[in-house]
């Protein structure tokens, strides 16, 4: 605990954790307990309403303008809130508002462009950074079709991505290579909009975001910031494929070293993206394509950690992880200054995180969504419909590569399933 708290007679340094869910919750609580921080779990309006009448003791976030009174009632003189963290995309606006009101010295203020994918790219463009060509569409014929025709006419052999302005896990993200296909996709999304649960960011009239297809391998830059200093805590290389009628199915996330000029260019672009979005504090998860012409953002998840269970691989291969780095950023300058600014040029191990499962030498952990006969599984089309995961970790990178190749070969027979007709189609 920070000695300042003892000096002031405060018994606890408090971390507000908005929307604690899934395995991330366990990792965050474990990390905070090791540093003697007290975690207060609080739920954003969308999550609190979901639990209403079902779960006792749910602490709902206060309404706008009531944050300070709420916090005084919550903490009294028993502690002081030192940071606000978030565990869901739904809760990002709430977490941002709480941080601005309760920890203004180490908050990023309020900026919808950190969550709205259209405004995000426009902020990059205004800052002189490369960004995707895009158009927000509420009517296909008048707005969408002219943009798609213009984009497909360009001699770059690229498609058009149709997605919600606010969304997560690639849900309802589609790819079109013709005007007719783009029209069907756009109309379908307008007719049945997909958006995060309503909360601090109230949705307006239904709209769809059309963007140019970004070519190149997709990478992830995980960062943590302290007072405008951005440190890259992990680099990941994605493998994705078109499967089961979906264009961007994630196959694996490969933890990578930072060892050449291209990696440095990627990380510098990520830092400039954070600056363009006004990020000065906390974690971020940036998805970036790396075409030959240079990095370009897919989307930034500001205020969120990586959605995969990364702690084991990061600890083994890097010697630190983003959860600990976040606490360092908010509460411990000396630890922060000791944290490397970028990943090392060689990893302490080699790891891949695959979404399927088998008994292999480098397999250290696995989970499946379906565990009992009769459990339903869906064809994987996005992160929300993954059937499970396997974590591969070994001192020999060749062993990891071989085991991953074997996993891919085994995928068709990993599960014994039978098709069932549902209201949504075949499951």
Foldseek 3Di string as FASTA:
>chain_A
DPVVCVVVVAAAAEEEEEPQDDPVNVVLVVLCVVVRHHYDYAYFVLVCVVCPPPDPPHHYQDDQPCLVVVVCVVCPRRYAYQYYFYDDLLCPQVSLRNCCPRVVVFGLHHDCLQFFVVSLQVLCVVLVHDAWDKDKDLDCPPTNLVVQVVLLPDPPQWWKWKAFRGDDQCPLIATDNDSVVVSVSQVVCLVPPDHRGDGPDHDDRDIMMITIDDDAWKKKFKWFAAQLQIAGLWIWTWDFACPPNAGGFTFKIWTAAQADPLSVQVVVSVSVSCVSRSHHGGIKMWMWGQDVVGIYTPHINPSYGDPDPCPVVSCQWQVDDRSNQRCCRRPNVVVNVVDDRGGHNGTNWTKMKGLADDDAPQWDDKDFPDDDPPDDADDGRGRVRRGIMTIGIDRDNVRNVVVSVVRVVCVVPRDDDDWDQDPVGTD
